[in-house]
């Protein structure tokens, strides 16, 4: 996929040049059809950019974390217009992200999921204490994931301030109660110790029968390891490696990217 990318010169002007975007062509088409449906719904068929280019602009912004000025100039629109296009497309995509209940449909006793948390880094100052994570030593927002055994993300939570503990976040989002109700086994790391319910975490500080506990921990780690793929896929969209948007928008961006990761565009 090729689009016009921007690089700043010493004179601070923006010069477009050809570059590649590492997403499938079919994904851009899929997003463009969602945009087309929204335009029909709003009775707003004419825009400076067509649906395909609006989809491409948005995916370039999410994938490469370039500024609105950069991607806008590359597509021949103003910074404000690029912002509106991206904002609209993100809202469209986020609306297709599954809810927690939908994500757990079909799962029950005998099944297991992987629950984990990550920090989405943000540009914040030292004064923004609620967003500072002591664990990661940086500002950000806490996001929880429920992943399938193979690492496929089933559901991403709303964002919480970075200092929120993973266990606190999981309880607040109702993850533990939802899995308990369905008798779904949850595999999690040590941050979730004390969760109870159907949550299983590694043993530690056990001096009796160390071989038995070590064997359990190795098996637990092997089953839980694929859960890391969910966040690896999420952060392959570089916007989430260092966000510049408002904190309240990060959750919407996460939901939009979840749609991109799991949508079926083969048909």
C-alpha atoms as a PDB file:
ATOM      1  CA  UNK A   1       0.000   0.000   0.000  1.00  0.00           C
ATOM      2  CA  UNK A   2       1.459   3.368  -1.016  1.00  0.00           C
ATOM      3  CA  UNK A   3       0.580   6.828   0.257  1.00  0.00           C
ATOM      4  CA  UNK A   4       2.203  10.234   0.429  1.00  0.00           C
ATOM      5  CA  UNK A   5       4.225  10.623   3.575  1.00  0.00           C
ATOM      6  CA  UNK A   6       5.739  13.786   5.008  1.00  0.00           C
ATOM      7  CA  UNK A   7       9.087  14.659   6.493  1.00  0.00           C
ATOM      8  CA  UNK A   8      10.008  18.053   7.991  1.00  0.00           C
ATOM      9  CA  UNK A   9      12.882  19.960   6.382  1.00  0.00           C
ATOM     10  CA  UNK A  10      15.211  22.382   8.211  1.00  0.00           C
ATOM     11  CA  UNK A  11      12.912  25.206   7.040  1.00  0.00           C
ATOM     12  CA  UNK A  12      10.015  23.468   8.845  1.00  0.00           C
ATOM     13  CA  UNK A  13       8.094  23.042   5.580  1.00  0.00           C
ATOM     14  CA  UNK A  14       6.378  19.765   4.726  1.00  0.00           C
ATOM     15  CA  UNK A  15       7.474  17.893   1.628  1.00  0.00           C
ATOM     16  CA  UNK A  16       5.429  14.853   0.542  1.00  0.00           C
ATOM     17  CA  UNK A  17       7.138  11.740  -0.725  1.00  0.00           C
ATOM     18  CA  UNK A  18       6.053   8.220  -1.593  1.00  0.00           C
ATOM     19  CA  UNK A  19       6.164   5.580   1.148  1.00  0.00           C
ATOM     20  CA  UNK A  20       4.573   2.237   1.984  1.00  0.00           C
ATOM     21  CA  UNK A  21       1.965   1.329   4.567  1.00  0.00           C
ATOM     22  CA  UNK A  22       2.186  -2.226   5.886  1.00  0.00           C
ATOM     23  CA  UNK A  23      -1.521  -3.108   5.952  1.00  0.00           C
ATOM     24  CA  UNK A  24      -3.474  -5.330   3.549  1.00  0.00           C
ATOM     25  CA  UNK A  25      -5.231  -3.616   0.664  1.00  0.00           C
ATOM     26  CA  UNK A  26      -8.386  -5.492   1.652  1.00  0.00           C
ATOM     27  CA  UNK A  27      -8.331  -3.865   5.090  1.00  0.00           C
ATOM     28  CA  UNK A  28      -8.303  -0.388   3.544  1.00  0.00           C
ATOM     29  CA  UNK A  29     -11.229  -1.395   1.339  1.00  0.00           C
ATOM     30  CA  UNK A  30     -13.127  -2.756   4.340  1.00  0.00           C
ATOM     31  CA  UNK A  31     -12.665   0.485   6.286  1.00  0.00           C
ATOM     32  CA  UNK A  32     -13.642   2.535   3.242  1.00  0.00           C
ATOM     33  CA  UNK A  33     -16.944   0.652   3.008  1.00  0.00           C
ATOM     34  CA  UNK A  34     -17.651   1.434   6.663  1.00  0.00           C
ATOM     35  CA  UNK A  35     -16.958   5.105   5.939  1.00  0.00           C
ATOM     36  CA  UNK A  36     -19.220   4.943   2.888  1.00  0.00           C
ATOM     37  CA  UNK A  37     -22.042   3.576   5.037  1.00  0.00           C
ATOM     38  CA  UNK A  38     -21.565   6.395   7.550  1.00  0.00           C
ATOM     39  CA  UNK A  39     -21.641   9.021   4.804  1.00  0.00           C
ATOM     40  CA  UNK A  40     -24.874   7.554   3.460  1.00  0.00           C
ATOM     41  CA  UNK A  41     -26.304   7.593   6.968  1.00  0.00           C
ATOM     42  CA  UNK A  42     -25.371  11.280   7.352  1.00  0.00           C
ATOM     43  CA  UNK A  43     -26.459  12.085   3.786  1.00  0.00           C
ATOM     44  CA  UNK A  44     -23.017  13.574   3.232  1.00  0.00           C
ATOM     45  CA  UNK A  45     -21.773  11.977  -0.007  1.00  0.00           C
ATOM     46  CA  UNK A  46     -19.306  14.682  -1.093  1.00  0.00           C
ATOM     47  CA  UNK A  47     -15.984  15.200   0.639  1.00  0.00           C
ATOM     48  CA  UNK A  48     -12.625  16.451  -0.574  1.00  0.00           C
ATOM     49  CA  UNK A  49     -11.267  12.916  -0.166  1.00  0.00           C
ATOM     50  CA  UNK A  50     -13.103   9.806  -1.241  1.00  0.00           C
ATOM     51  CA  UNK A  51     -13.878   6.988   1.198  1.00  0.00           C
ATOM     52  CA  UNK A  52     -10.808   4.971   0.222  1.00  0.00           C
ATOM     53  CA  UNK A  53      -8.399   7.865   0.742  1.00  0.00           C
ATOM     54  CA  UNK A  54     -10.040   8.803   4.033  1.00  0.00           C
ATOM     55  CA  UNK A  55      -9.556   5.213   5.201  1.00  0.00           C
ATOM     56  CA  UNK A  56      -5.935   5.251   4.012  1.00  0.00           C
ATOM     57  CA  UNK A  57      -5.234   8.562   5.750  1.00  0.00           C
ATOM     58  CA  UNK A  58      -6.626   7.240   9.037  1.00  0.00           C
ATOM     59  CA  UNK A  59      -4.720   3.967   8.855  1.00  0.00           C
ATOM     60  CA  UNK A  60      -1.502   5.860   8.082  1.00  0.00           C
ATOM     61  CA  UNK A  61      -2.033   8.036  11.164  1.00  0.00           C
ATOM     62  CA  UNK A  62      -2.752   5.050  13.419  1.00  0.00           C
ATOM     63  CA  UNK A  63      -0.033   2.833  12.005  1.00  0.00           C
ATOM     64  CA  UNK A  64       2.808   5.367  11.844  1.00  0.00           C
ATOM     65  CA  UNK A  65       1.773   7.905  14.515  1.00  0.00           C
ATOM     66  CA  UNK A  66       2.413  10.839  12.223  1.00  0.00           C
ATOM     67  CA  UNK A  67       0.845  14.184  13.089  1.00  0.00           C
ATOM     68  CA  UNK A  68      -2.324  15.470  11.456  1.00  0.00           C
ATOM     69  CA  UNK A  69      -0.240  18.123   9.713  1.00  0.00           C
ATOM     70  CA  UNK A  70       2.014  15.469   8.209  1.00  0.00           C
ATOM     71  CA  UNK A  71      -0.661  13.068   6.958  1.00  0.00           C
ATOM     72  CA  UNK A  72      -2.924  15.946   5.935  1.00  0.00           C
ATOM     73  CA  UNK A  73      -0.261  17.506   3.741  1.00  0.00           C
ATOM     74  CA  UNK A  74       0.481  14.100   2.242  1.00  0.00           C
ATOM     75  CA  UNK A  75      -3.155  13.760   1.150  1.00  0.00           C
ATOM     76  CA  UNK A  76      -3.604  17.390   0.136  1.00  0.00           C
ATOM     77  CA  UNK A  77      -5.907  18.452   2.987  1.00  0.00           C
ATOM     78  CA  UNK A  78      -5.489  20.826   5.906  1.00  0.00           C
ATOM     79  CA  UNK A  79      -4.500  19.741   9.404  1.00  0.00           C
ATOM     80  CA  UNK A  80      -8.047  20.433  10.659  1.00  0.00           C
ATOM     81  CA  UNK A  81      -9.592  18.369   7.856  1.00  0.00           C
ATOM     82  CA  UNK A  82      -7.211  15.474   8.542  1.00  0.00           C
ATOM     83  CA  UNK A  83      -8.233  15.601  12.218  1.00  0.00           C
ATOM     84  CA  UNK A  84     -11.938  15.475  11.294  1.00  0.00           C
ATOM     85  CA  UNK A  85     -11.418  12.554   8.922  1.00  0.00           C
ATOM     86  CA  UNK A  86      -9.420  10.577  11.463  1.00  0.00           C
ATOM     87  CA  UNK A  87     -11.832  11.363  14.296  1.00  0.00           C
ATOM     88  CA  UNK A  88     -14.831  10.289  12.227  1.00  0.00           C
ATOM     89  CA  UNK A  89     -13.195   7.043  11.083  1.00  0.00           C
ATOM     90  CA  UNK A  90     -12.072   6.116  14.583  1.00  0.00           C
ATOM     91  CA  UNK A  91     -15.631   6.591  15.848  1.00  0.00           C
ATOM     92  CA  UNK A  92     -16.943   4.370  13.043  1.00  0.00           C
ATOM     93  CA  UNK A  93     -14.415   1.626  13.801  1.00  0.00           C
ATOM     94  CA  UNK A  94     -14.869   1.792  17.576  1.00  0.00           C
ATOM     95  CA  UNK A  95     -18.611   1.234  17.190  1.00  0.00           C
ATOM     96  CA  UNK A  96     -17.839  -2.216  15.752  1.00  0.00           C
ATOM     97  CA  UNK A  97     -15.663  -3.348  18.667  1.00  0.00           C
ATOM     98  CA  UNK A  98     -17.287  -6.163  20.690  1.00  0.00           C
ATOM     99  CA  UNK A  99     -18.541  -5.583  24.218  1.00  0.00           C
ATOM    100  CA  UNK A 100     -17.489  -7.787  27.110  1.00  0.00           C
ATOM    101  CA  UNK A 101     -20.676  -9.868  27.048  1.00  0.00           C
ATOM    102  CA  UNK A 102     -20.379 -10.407  23.303  1.00  0.00           C
ATOM    103  CA  UNK A 103     -16.705 -11.370  23.653  1.00  0.00           C
ATOM    104  CA  UNK A 104     -17.500 -14.138  26.160  1.00  0.00           C
ATOM    105  CA  UNK A 105     -20.450 -15.619  24.286  1.00  0.00           C
ATOM    106  CA  UNK A 106     -19.930 -19.332  23.740  1.00  0.00           C
ATOM    107  CA  UNK A 107     -17.414 -19.669  26.565  1.00  0.00           C
ATOM    108  CA  UNK A 108     -18.209 -21.520  29.746  1.00  0.00           C
ATOM    109  CA  UNK A 109     -17.073 -24.193  32.156  1.00  0.00           C
ATOM    110  CA  UNK A 110     -14.031 -25.989  30.792  1.00  0.00           C
ATOM    111  CA  UNK A 111     -12.794 -22.992  28.802  1.00  0.00           C
ATOM    112  CA  UNK A 112     -10.069 -20.583  29.815  1.00  0.00           C
ATOM    113  CA  UNK A 113      -9.003 -17.082  28.852  1.00  0.00           C
ATOM    114  CA  UNK A 114      -5.929 -14.973  29.528  1.00  0.00           C
ATOM    115  CA  UNK A 115      -6.327 -11.648  31.327  1.00  0.00           C
ATOM    116  CA  UNK A 116      -3.534  -9.085  31.359  1.00  0.00           C
ATOM    117  CA  UNK A 117      -2.943  -5.350  31.576  1.00  0.00           C
ATOM    118  CA  UNK A 118      -0.653  -2.905  29.844  1.00  0.00           C
ATOM    119  CA  UNK A 119       0.224   0.775  29.923  1.00  0.00           C
ATOM    120  CA  UNK A 120      -0.465   3.010  26.938  1.00  0.00           C
ATOM    121  CA  UNK A 121       2.213   5.736  27.285  1.00  0.00           C
ATOM    122  CA  UNK A 122       1.073   9.360  27.080  1.00  0.00           C
ATOM    123  CA  UNK A 123       2.716  12.749  26.920  1.00  0.00           C
ATOM    124  CA  UNK A 124       2.114  14.006  30.455  1.00  0.00           C
ATOM    125  CA  UNK A 125       3.907  16.131  33.015  1.00  0.00           C
ATOM    126  CA  UNK A 126       4.997  15.239  36.522  1.00  0.00           C
ATOM    127  CA  UNK A 127       1.968  17.121  37.855  1.00  0.00           C
ATOM    128  CA  UNK A 128      -0.397  14.559  36.351  1.00  0.00           C
ATOM    129  CA  UNK A 129      -0.011  12.129  39.229  1.00  0.00           C
ATOM    130  CA  UNK A 130      -3.063   9.913  38.502  1.00  0.00           C
ATOM    131  CA  UNK A 131      -1.547   8.996  35.155  1.00  0.00           C
ATOM    132  CA  UNK A 132       1.896   8.060  36.470  1.00  0.00           C
ATOM    133  CA  UNK A 133       2.612   4.349  36.761  1.00  0.00           C
ATOM    134  CA  UNK A 134       5.188   3.480  39.415  1.00  0.00           C
ATOM    135  CA  UNK A 135       5.543   0.032  37.848  1.00  0.00           C
ATOM    136  CA  UNK A 136       6.447   1.384  34.393  1.00  0.00           C
ATOM    137  CA  UNK A 137       8.012   4.653  35.618  1.00  0.00           C
ATOM    138  CA  UNK A 138       6.090   6.740  33.097  1.00  0.00           C
ATOM    139  CA  UNK A 139       2.740   8.388  32.481  1.00  0.00           C
ATOM    140  CA  UNK A 140       0.030   6.479  30.691  1.00  0.00           C
ATOM    141  CA  UNK A 141      -3.337   4.769  30.738  1.00  0.00           C
ATOM    142  CA  UNK A 142      -4.089   1.256  31.979  1.00  0.00           C
ATOM    143  CA  UNK A 143      -5.835  -1.101  29.539  1.00  0.00           C
ATOM    144  CA  UNK A 144      -7.005  -4.632  30.321  1.00  0.00           C
ATOM    145  CA  UNK A 145      -7.415  -7.409  27.784  1.00  0.00           C
ATOM    146  CA  UNK A 146      -9.269 -10.696  27.695  1.00  0.00           C
ATOM    147  CA  UNK A 147      -7.482 -12.927  25.202  1.00  0.00           C
ATOM    148  CA  UNK A 148      -8.210 -16.370  23.787  1.00  0.00           C
ATOM    149  CA  UNK A 149      -5.733 -19.198  24.512  1.00  0.00           C
ATOM    150  CA  UNK A 150      -3.985 -18.511  21.190  1.00  0.00           C
ATOM    151  CA  UNK A 151      -3.529 -14.833  22.045  1.00  0.00           C
ATOM    152  CA  UNK A 152      -6.372 -13.468  19.915  1.00  0.00           C
ATOM    153  CA  UNK A 153      -7.797 -10.392  21.689  1.00  0.00           C
ATOM    154  CA  UNK A 154     -11.445 -10.951  22.594  1.00  0.00           C
ATOM    155  CA  UNK A 155     -12.054  -7.679  24.435  1.00  0.00           C
ATOM    156  CA  UNK A 156     -10.189  -4.557  25.472  1.00  0.00           C
ATOM    157  CA  UNK A 157     -11.371  -2.528  28.449  1.00  0.00           C
ATOM    158  CA  UNK A 158     -11.922   1.181  28.775  1.00  0.00           C
ATOM    159  CA  UNK A 159      -8.803   3.023  29.868  1.00  0.00           C
ATOM    160  CA  UNK A 160      -8.022   3.903  33.478  1.00  0.00           C
ATOM    161  CA  UNK A 161      -5.321   6.220  34.885  1.00  0.00           C
ATOM    162  CA  UNK A 162      -1.864   4.676  34.700  1.00  0.00           C
ATOM    163  CA  UNK A 163      -1.427   4.343  38.442  1.00  0.00           C
ATOM    164  CA  UNK A 164      -4.423   1.953  38.607  1.00  0.00           C
ATOM    165  CA  UNK A 165      -3.356  -1.524  39.722  1.00  0.00           C
ATOM    166  CA  UNK A 166      -4.188  -4.324  37.285  1.00  0.00           C
ATOM    167  CA  UNK A 167      -6.295  -6.201  39.838  1.00  0.00           C
ATOM    168  CA  UNK A 168      -8.230  -3.053  40.718  1.00  0.00           C
ATOM    169  CA  UNK A 169      -8.847  -2.376  37.029  1.00  0.00           C
ATOM    170  CA  UNK A 170      -9.994  -5.961  36.361  1.00  0.00           C
ATOM    171  CA  UNK A 171     -12.485  -5.736  39.218  1.00  0.00           C
ATOM    172  CA  UNK A 172     -13.730  -2.312  38.162  1.00  0.00           C
ATOM    173  CA  UNK A 173     -14.349  -3.500  34.600  1.00  0.00           C
ATOM    174  CA  UNK A 174     -16.271  -6.545  35.838  1.00  0.00           C
ATOM    175  CA  UNK A 175     -13.891  -9.035  34.237  1.00  0.00           C
ATOM    176  CA  UNK A 176     -13.561 -11.309  37.257  1.00  0.00           C
ATOM    177  CA  UNK A 177     -17.278 -11.415  37.977  1.00  0.00           C
ATOM    178  CA  UNK A 178     -18.165 -12.070  34.335  1.00  0.00           C
ATOM    179  CA  UNK A 179     -15.765 -15.023  34.156  1.00  0.00           C
ATOM    180  CA  UNK A 180     -16.938 -16.363  37.521  1.00  0.00           C
ATOM    181  CA  UNK A 181     -20.570 -16.239  36.401  1.00  0.00           C
ATOM    182  CA  UNK A 182     -19.714 -18.326  33.333  1.00  0.00           C
ATOM    183  CA  UNK A 183     -17.225 -20.510  35.234  1.00  0.00           C
ATOM    184  CA  UNK A 184     -14.455 -19.579  32.826  1.00  0.00           C
ATOM    185  CA  UNK A 185     -10.936 -20.231  34.102  1.00  0.00           C
ATOM    186  CA  UNK A 186      -8.737 -17.117  34.042  1.00  0.00           C
ATOM    187  CA  UNK A 187      -4.947 -17.289  33.722  1.00  0.00           C
ATOM    188  CA  UNK A 188      -3.180 -14.148  34.915  1.00  0.00           C
ATOM    189  CA  UNK A 189       0.203 -12.989  36.203  1.00  0.00           C
ATOM    190  CA  UNK A 190       1.187 -12.147  39.770  1.00  0.00           C
ATOM    191  CA  UNK A 191      -0.407  -8.702  39.578  1.00  0.00           C
ATOM    192  CA  UNK A 192      -3.777 -10.458  39.971  1.00  0.00           C
ATOM    193  CA  UNK A 193      -2.916 -12.480  43.077  1.00  0.00           C
ATOM    194  CA  UNK A 194      -5.733 -12.391  45.586  1.00  0.00           C
ATOM    195  CA  UNK A 195      -8.398 -12.107  42.884  1.00  0.00           C
ATOM    196  CA  UNK A 196     -10.021 -15.361  43.949  1.00  0.00           C
ATOM    197  CA  UNK A 197     -12.990 -16.483  41.855  1.00  0.00           C
ATOM    198  CA  UNK A 198     -11.782 -18.575  38.878  1.00  0.00           C
ATOM    199  CA  UNK A 199      -8.444 -16.734  38.544  1.00  0.00           C
ATOM    200  CA  UNK A 200      -5.233 -18.736  38.614  1.00  0.00           C
ATOM    201  CA  UNK A 201      -1.890 -16.978  39.161  1.00  0.00           C
ATOM    202  CA  UNK A 202       1.665 -18.291  39.664  1.00  0.00           C
ATOM    203  CA  UNK A 203       2.779 -19.518  43.085  1.00  0.00           C
ATOM    204  CA  UNK A 204       5.615 -17.724  44.809  1.00  0.00           C
ATOM    205  CA  UNK A 205       7.428 -17.777  48.173  1.00  0.00           C
ATOM    206  CA  UNK A 206       6.561 -21.429  48.663  1.00  0.00           C
ATOM    207  CA  UNK A 207       9.380 -23.411  50.259  1.00  0.00           C
ATOM    208  CA  UNK A 208       7.471 -26.653  50.700  1.00  0.00           C
ATOM    209  CA  UNK A 209       7.559 -28.946  47.679  1.00  0.00           C
ATOM    210  CA  UNK A 210       9.399 -26.412  45.463  1.00  0.00           C
ATOM    211  CA  UNK A 211       9.556 -28.820  42.523  1.00  0.00           C
ATOM    212  CA  UNK A 212       5.775 -29.138  42.451  1.00  0.00           C
ATOM    213  CA  UNK A 213       5.239 -25.359  42.473  1.00  0.00           C
ATOM    214  CA  UNK A 214       7.942 -24.760  39.877  1.00  0.00           C
ATOM    215  CA  UNK A 215       6.336 -27.292  37.597  1.00  0.00           C
ATOM    216  CA  UNK A 216       2.966 -25.567  38.017  1.00  0.00           C
ATOM    217  CA  UNK A 217       4.483 -22.143  37.320  1.00  0.00           C
ATOM    218  CA  UNK A 218       6.190 -23.369  34.175  1.00  0.00           C
ATOM    219  CA  UNK A 219       2.954 -24.841  32.861  1.00  0.00           C
ATOM    220  CA  UNK A 220       1.039 -21.710  33.832  1.00  0.00           C
ATOM    221  CA  UNK A 221       3.584 -19.459  32.049  1.00  0.00           C
ATOM    222  CA  UNK A 222       3.449 -21.606  28.920  1.00  0.00           C
ATOM    223  CA  UNK A 223      -0.347 -21.332  28.703  1.00  0.00           C
ATOM    224  CA  UNK A 224      -0.392 -17.616  29.540  1.00  0.00           C
ATOM    225  CA  UNK A 225       2.432 -16.549  27.213  1.00  0.00           C
ATOM    226  CA  UNK A 226       0.250 -16.195  24.073  1.00  0.00           C
ATOM    227  CA  UNK A 227      -1.686 -13.445  25.858  1.00  0.00           C
ATOM    228  CA  UNK A 228       1.271 -11.135  25.274  1.00  0.00           C
ATOM    229  CA  UNK A 229       0.512 -11.320  21.567  1.00  0.00           C
ATOM    230  CA  UNK A 230      -2.706  -9.361  22.098  1.00  0.00           C
ATOM    231  CA  UNK A 231      -0.823  -6.295  23.299  1.00  0.00           C
ATOM    232  CA  UNK A 232       1.935  -6.819  20.744  1.00  0.00           C
ATOM    233  CA  UNK A 233      -0.692  -6.648  17.998  1.00  0.00           C
ATOM    234  CA  UNK A 234      -2.322  -3.618  19.606  1.00  0.00           C
ATOM    235  CA  UNK A 235       0.943  -1.683  19.829  1.00  0.00           C
ATOM    236  CA  UNK A 236       1.984  -2.602  16.310  1.00  0.00           C
ATOM    237  CA  UNK A 237      -0.178   0.450  15.593  1.00  0.00           C
ATOM    238  CA  UNK A 238       2.436   2.986  16.646  1.00  0.00           C
ATOM    239  CA  UNK A 239      -0.029   5.640  17.774  1.00  0.00           C
ATOM    240  CA  UNK A 240      -0.392   3.611  20.989  1.00  0.00           C
ATOM    241  CA  UNK A 241       3.342   3.574  21.682  1.00  0.00           C
ATOM    242  CA  UNK A 242       3.276   7.274  22.563  1.00  0.00           C
ATOM    243  CA  UNK A 243      -0.130   8.924  22.338  1.00  0.00           C
ATOM    244  CA  UNK A 244      -0.590  12.641  21.867  1.00  0.00           C
ATOM    245  CA  UNK A 245      -4.385  12.720  21.968  1.00  0.00           C
ATOM    246  CA  UNK A 246      -6.617  13.503  24.941  1.00  0.00           C
ATOM    247  CA  UNK A 247      -6.669  10.726  27.521  1.00  0.00           C
ATOM    248  CA  UNK A 248     -10.427  10.280  27.093  1.00  0.00           C
ATOM    249  CA  UNK A 249      -9.847   9.513  23.405  1.00  0.00           C
ATOM    250  CA  UNK A 250      -7.327   6.739  23.996  1.00  0.00           C
ATOM    251  CA  UNK A 251     -10.050   4.229  24.876  1.00  0.00           C
ATOM    252  CA  UNK A 252     -11.860   4.968  21.615  1.00  0.00           C
ATOM    253  CA  UNK A 253      -8.617   4.505  19.680  1.00  0.00           C
ATOM    254  CA  UNK A 254      -8.038   1.151  21.395  1.00  0.00           C
ATOM    255  CA  UNK A 255     -11.550   0.000  20.437  1.00  0.00           C
ATOM    256  CA  UNK A 256     -11.009   1.156  16.849  1.00  0.00           C
ATOM    257  CA  UNK A 257      -7.743  -0.746  16.558  1.00  0.00           C
ATOM    258  CA  UNK A 258      -9.385  -3.818  18.081  1.00  0.00           C
ATOM    259  CA  UNK A 259     -11.868  -3.705  15.200  1.00  0.00           C
ATOM    260  CA  UNK A 260      -8.988  -3.513  12.732  1.00  0.00           C
ATOM    261  CA  UNK A 261      -7.294  -6.498  14.378  1.00  0.00           C
ATOM    262  CA  UNK A 262     -10.322  -8.759  14.390  1.00  0.00           C
ATOM    263  CA  UNK A 263     -12.532  -7.677  11.473  1.00  0.00           C
ATOM    264  CA  UNK A 264     -13.192 -10.222   8.732  1.00  0.00           C
ATOM    265  CA  UNK A 265     -12.447  -8.509   5.441  1.00  0.00           C
ATOM    266  CA  UNK A 266     -11.842 -11.678   3.433  1.00  0.00           C
ATOM    267  CA  UNK A 267     -15.325 -11.668   2.003  1.00  0.00           C
END
